Amino acid sequence: MDLLTGEFKNTLDDKGRLSLPPRLRAGLPGNVLILTQSVDQCLWLYPPEQWQDLSRKLMEATSPFQAKSRMIQRRIIAPAQEVEIDKAGRIAIPQSLREFAGVSRECVILGIKKYIEIWDAEKYQMYWDDVQEEFKQAAEELSVIL
């Protein structure tokens, strides 16, 4: 299953709900998704099948007896929550996840084939400002394999 890609902007309402763009909703297999913390200061939104695959691989690759593994489990797996797309095409983002990502009002929604990222718009711009040079270097390295 591949989601459509794209970068979209939308506003979080006063109840913590975010409308997902119709183009992204059309690529989803149902109306239940899994929302969790990302490695970066944003949120990851997965269809259940993709989430099951990722969480299984993470659990197989980590051990509760290793500190770094526990960090990964606590950061990505533990905060994961089911969210449902309502009839208006919105998801309710739990307060704890909004606080983690610093999502307050203006959001950037990114379709990345098999999952979606949700960023606070200001934090997303700051992220790109910080990694611009790293991105150029990564693109240079990528050209070798393509």
C-alpha atoms as a PDB file:
ATOM      1  CA  MET A   1       0.000   0.000   0.000  1.00  0.00           C
ATOM      2  CA  ASP A   2       1.436   3.357  -1.011  1.00  0.00           C
ATOM      3  CA  LEU A   3       0.041   6.657   0.107  1.00  0.00           C
ATOM      4  CA  LEU A   4       0.147   9.606  -2.180  1.00  0.00           C
ATOM      5  CA  THR A   5       2.865  12.090  -1.521  1.00  0.00           C
ATOM      6  CA  GLY A   6       2.584  15.795  -1.021  1.00  0.00           C
ATOM      7  CA  GLU A   7       3.138  18.716   1.307  1.00  0.00           C
ATOM      8  CA  PHE A   8       0.026  20.370   2.709  1.00  0.00           C
ATOM      9  CA  LYS A   9      -0.738  23.077   5.243  1.00  0.00           C
ATOM     10  CA  ASN A  10      -3.684  23.004   7.570  1.00  0.00           C
ATOM     11  CA  THR A  11      -4.819  24.448  10.879  1.00  0.00           C
ATOM     12  CA  LEU A  12      -5.298  22.584  14.140  1.00  0.00           C
ATOM     13  CA  ASP A  13      -8.680  23.529  15.605  1.00  0.00           C
ATOM     14  CA  ASP A  14      -9.362  24.496  19.229  1.00  0.00           C
ATOM     15  CA  LYS A  15     -10.226  20.872  20.085  1.00  0.00           C
ATOM     16  CA  GLY A  16      -6.882  19.535  18.802  1.00  0.00           C
ATOM     17  CA  ARG A  17      -8.319  18.175  15.550  1.00  0.00           C
ATOM     18  CA  LEU A  18      -6.487  18.321  12.249  1.00  0.00           C
ATOM     19  CA  SER A  19      -8.102  17.846   8.866  1.00  0.00           C
ATOM     20  CA  LEU A  20      -6.180  15.431   6.644  1.00  0.00           C
ATOM     21  CA  PRO A  21      -5.970  16.471   2.981  1.00  0.00           C
ATOM     22  CA  PRO A  22      -8.370  14.531   0.728  1.00  0.00           C
ATOM     23  CA  ARG A  23      -5.469  13.374  -1.497  1.00  0.00           C
ATOM     24  CA  LEU A  24      -3.833  11.646   1.468  1.00  0.00           C
ATOM     25  CA  ARG A  25      -7.105  10.261   2.843  1.00  0.00           C
ATOM     26  CA  ALA A  26      -7.838   8.698  -0.541  1.00  0.00           C
ATOM     27  CA  GLY A  27      -4.703   6.563  -0.258  1.00  0.00           C
ATOM     28  CA  LEU A  28      -5.534   5.228   3.197  1.00  0.00           C
ATOM     29  CA  PRO A  29      -6.985   1.724   3.625  1.00  0.00           C
ATOM     30  CA  GLY A  30      -9.486   2.721   6.313  1.00  0.00           C
ATOM     31  CA  ASN A  31     -10.375   5.350   8.880  1.00  0.00           C
ATOM     32  CA  VAL A  32      -8.230   4.121  11.794  1.00  0.00           C
ATOM     33  CA  LEU A  33      -4.578   5.174  11.975  1.00  0.00           C
ATOM     34  CA  ILE A  34      -1.734   4.946  14.475  1.00  0.00           C
ATOM     35  CA  LEU A  35      -0.167   8.216  15.638  1.00  0.00           C
ATOM     36  CA  THR A  36       3.162   8.326  17.467  1.00  0.00           C
ATOM     37  CA  GLN A  37       6.238  10.405  18.178  1.00  0.00           C
ATOM     38  CA  SER A  38       8.852  10.644  15.468  1.00  0.00           C
ATOM     39  CA  VAL A  39      12.614  10.610  15.694  1.00  0.00           C
ATOM     40  CA  ASP A  40      12.415  14.332  14.866  1.00  0.00           C
ATOM     41  CA  GLN A  41      10.137  16.795  16.652  1.00  0.00           C
ATOM     42  CA  CYS A  42       7.071  15.828  14.636  1.00  0.00           C
ATOM     43  CA  LEU A  43       4.460  13.084  14.621  1.00  0.00           C
ATOM     44  CA  TRP A  44       4.253   9.955  12.501  1.00  0.00           C
ATOM     45  CA  LEU A  45       0.866   8.738  11.297  1.00  0.00           C
ATOM     46  CA  TYR A  46       0.665   5.147  10.033  1.00  0.00           C
ATOM     47  CA  PRO A  47      -2.019   2.917   8.584  1.00  0.00           C
ATOM     48  CA  PRO A  48      -2.406  -0.070  10.956  1.00  0.00           C
ATOM     49  CA  GLU A  49      -0.714  -2.573   8.626  1.00  0.00           C
ATOM     50  CA  GLN A  50       2.334  -0.358   8.140  1.00  0.00           C
ATOM     51  CA  TRP A  51       2.484   0.324  11.885  1.00  0.00           C
ATOM     52  CA  GLN A  52       2.308  -3.386  12.712  1.00  0.00           C
ATOM     53  CA  ASP A  53       5.207  -4.035  10.351  1.00  0.00           C
ATOM     54  CA  LEU A  54       7.341  -1.194  11.755  1.00  0.00           C
ATOM     55  CA  SER A  55       6.618  -1.945  15.419  1.00  0.00           C
ATOM     56  CA  ARG A  56       7.324  -5.658  14.901  1.00  0.00           C
ATOM     57  CA  LYS A  57      10.682  -4.868  13.273  1.00  0.00           C
ATOM     58  CA  LEU A  58      11.556  -2.416  16.039  1.00  0.00           C
ATOM     59  CA  MET A  59      10.721  -4.928  18.759  1.00  0.00           C
ATOM     60  CA  GLU A  60      12.760  -7.643  17.010  1.00  0.00           C
ATOM     61  CA  ALA A  61      15.743  -5.289  16.640  1.00  0.00           C
ATOM     62  CA  THR A  62      15.680  -4.027  20.233  1.00  0.00           C
ATOM     63  CA  SER A  63      15.982  -5.547  23.682  1.00  0.00           C
ATOM     64  CA  PRO A  64      14.585  -4.400  27.024  1.00  0.00           C
ATOM     65  CA  PHE A  65      18.024  -5.241  28.450  1.00  0.00           C
ATOM     66  CA  GLN A  66      19.820  -2.529  26.451  1.00  0.00           C
ATOM     67  CA  ALA A  67      19.489   1.156  27.339  1.00  0.00           C
ATOM     68  CA  LYS A  68      19.489   2.431  23.738  1.00  0.00           C
ATOM     69  CA  SER A  69      16.859  -0.139  22.787  1.00  0.00           C
ATOM     70  CA  ARG A  70      14.622   0.940  25.663  1.00  0.00           C
ATOM     71  CA  MET A  71      14.933   4.556  24.498  1.00  0.00           C
ATOM     72  CA  ILE A  72      13.718   3.573  21.026  1.00  0.00           C
ATOM     73  CA  GLN A  73      10.830   1.551  22.463  1.00  0.00           C
ATOM     74  CA  ARG A  74       9.825   4.374  24.819  1.00  0.00           C
ATOM     75  CA  ARG A  75      10.070   7.080  22.178  1.00  0.00           C
ATOM     76  CA  ILE A  76       8.310   5.390  19.260  1.00  0.00           C
ATOM     77  CA  ILE A  77       6.266   2.400  20.428  1.00  0.00           C
ATOM     78  CA  ALA A  78       5.021   3.415  23.882  1.00  0.00           C
ATOM     79  CA  PRO A  79       3.345   6.724  22.900  1.00  0.00           C
ATOM     80  CA  ALA A  80       1.558   5.250  19.867  1.00  0.00           C
ATOM     81  CA  GLN A  81      -2.218   5.767  19.910  1.00  0.00           C
ATOM     82  CA  GLU A  82      -5.057   4.840  17.599  1.00  0.00           C
ATOM     83  CA  VAL A  83      -6.832   7.795  16.045  1.00  0.00           C
ATOM     84  CA  GLU A  84      -9.919   7.705  13.892  1.00  0.00           C
ATOM     85  CA  ILE A  85     -10.685   9.863  10.883  1.00  0.00           C
ATOM     86  CA  ASP A  86     -14.084  11.422  11.534  1.00  0.00           C
ATOM     87  CA  LYS A  87     -16.753  12.133   8.916  1.00  0.00           C
ATOM     88  CA  ALA A  88     -15.238  15.580   8.319  1.00  0.00           C
ATOM     89  CA  GLY A  89     -11.829  14.029   7.540  1.00  0.00           C
ATOM     90  CA  ARG A  90     -10.207  15.085  10.814  1.00  0.00           C
ATOM     91  CA  ILE A  91      -8.122  13.276  13.395  1.00  0.00           C
ATOM     92  CA  ALA A  92      -7.965  14.280  17.048  1.00  0.00           C
ATOM     93  CA  ILE A  93      -4.343  14.589  18.133  1.00  0.00           C
ATOM     94  CA  PRO A  94      -3.954  13.649  21.818  1.00  0.00           C
ATOM     95  CA  GLN A  95      -2.596  16.414  24.061  1.00  0.00           C
ATOM     96  CA  SER A  96       0.588  14.479  24.951  1.00  0.00           C
ATOM     97  CA  LEU A  97       1.494  14.109  21.276  1.00  0.00           C
ATOM     98  CA  ARG A  98       0.658  17.746  20.516  1.00  0.00           C
ATOM     99  CA  GLU A  99       2.975  18.789  23.338  1.00  0.00           C
ATOM    100  CA  PHE A 100       5.795  16.522  22.133  1.00  0.00           C
ATOM    101  CA  ALA A 101       5.709  17.953  18.595  1.00  0.00           C
ATOM    102  CA  GLY A 102       4.958  21.507  19.705  1.00  0.00           C
ATOM    103  CA  VAL A 103       1.937  21.499  17.400  1.00  0.00           C
ATOM    104  CA  SER A 104      -0.196  24.499  18.235  1.00  0.00           C
ATOM    105  CA  ARG A 105      -2.036  25.969  15.263  1.00  0.00           C
ATOM    106  CA  GLU A 106      -0.494  26.008  11.785  1.00  0.00           C
ATOM    107  CA  CYS A 107       0.633  22.555  10.666  1.00  0.00           C
ATOM    108  CA  VAL A 108       2.521  21.023   7.764  1.00  0.00           C
ATOM    109  CA  ILE A 109       1.342  17.569   6.681  1.00  0.00           C
ATOM    110  CA  LEU A 110       3.722  15.475   4.588  1.00  0.00           C
ATOM    111  CA  GLY A 111       2.762  12.347   2.683  1.00  0.00           C
ATOM    112  CA  ILE A 112       5.832  10.090   2.562  1.00  0.00           C
ATOM    113  CA  LYS A 113       4.543   7.075   0.602  1.00  0.00           C
ATOM    114  CA  LYS A 114       3.827   4.688   3.498  1.00  0.00           C
ATOM    115  CA  TYR A 115       3.283   7.146   6.342  1.00  0.00           C
ATOM    116  CA  ILE A 116       2.431  10.772   7.084  1.00  0.00           C
ATOM    117  CA  GLU A 117       4.369  13.342   9.093  1.00  0.00           C
ATOM    118  CA  ILE A 118       2.666  16.131  11.017  1.00  0.00           C
ATOM    119  CA  TRP A 119       4.774  19.160  11.929  1.00  0.00           C
ATOM    120  CA  ASP A 120       4.144  22.479  13.588  1.00  0.00           C
ATOM    121  CA  ALA A 121       4.702  24.846  10.622  1.00  0.00           C
ATOM    122  CA  GLU A 122       7.234  27.028  12.453  1.00  0.00           C
ATOM    123  CA  LYS A 123       9.203  24.028  13.742  1.00  0.00           C
ATOM    124  CA  TYR A 124       9.237  22.530  10.229  1.00  0.00           C
ATOM    125  CA  GLN A 125      10.773  25.721   8.819  1.00  0.00           C
ATOM    126  CA  MET A 126      13.350  25.786  11.640  1.00  0.00           C
ATOM    127  CA  TYR A 127      14.184  22.134  10.923  1.00  0.00           C
ATOM    128  CA  TRP A 128      14.918  22.897   7.251  1.00  0.00           C
ATOM    129  CA  ASP A 129      16.927  25.969   8.176  1.00  0.00           C
ATOM    130  CA  ASP A 130      19.067  23.790  10.472  1.00  0.00           C
ATOM    131  CA  VAL A 131      19.641  20.866   8.071  1.00  0.00           C
ATOM    132  CA  GLN A 132      20.049  22.646   4.731  1.00  0.00           C
ATOM    133  CA  GLU A 133      23.773  21.888   4.436  1.00  0.00           C
ATOM    134  CA  GLU A 134      23.316  18.291   5.616  1.00  0.00           C
ATOM    135  CA  PHE A 135      20.615  17.846   2.991  1.00  0.00           C
ATOM    136  CA  LYS A 136      22.922  19.037   0.223  1.00  0.00           C
ATOM    137  CA  GLN A 137      25.624  16.607   1.382  1.00  0.00           C
ATOM    138  CA  ALA A 138      23.114  13.736   1.620  1.00  0.00           C
ATOM    139  CA  ALA A 139      21.882  14.514  -1.897  1.00  0.00           C
ATOM    140  CA  GLU A 140      25.456  14.437  -3.183  1.00  0.00           C
ATOM    141  CA  GLU A 141      26.011  11.027  -1.560  1.00  0.00           C
ATOM    142  CA  LEU A 142      22.707   9.738  -2.901  1.00  0.00           C
ATOM    143  CA  SER A 143      23.667  10.549  -6.460  1.00  0.00           C
ATOM    144  CA  VAL A 144      26.314   7.837  -6.252  1.00  0.00           C
ATOM    145  CA  ILE A 145      23.716   5.105  -5.766  1.00  0.00           C
ATOM    146  CA  LEU A 146      21.141   6.368  -8.208  1.00  0.00           C
END
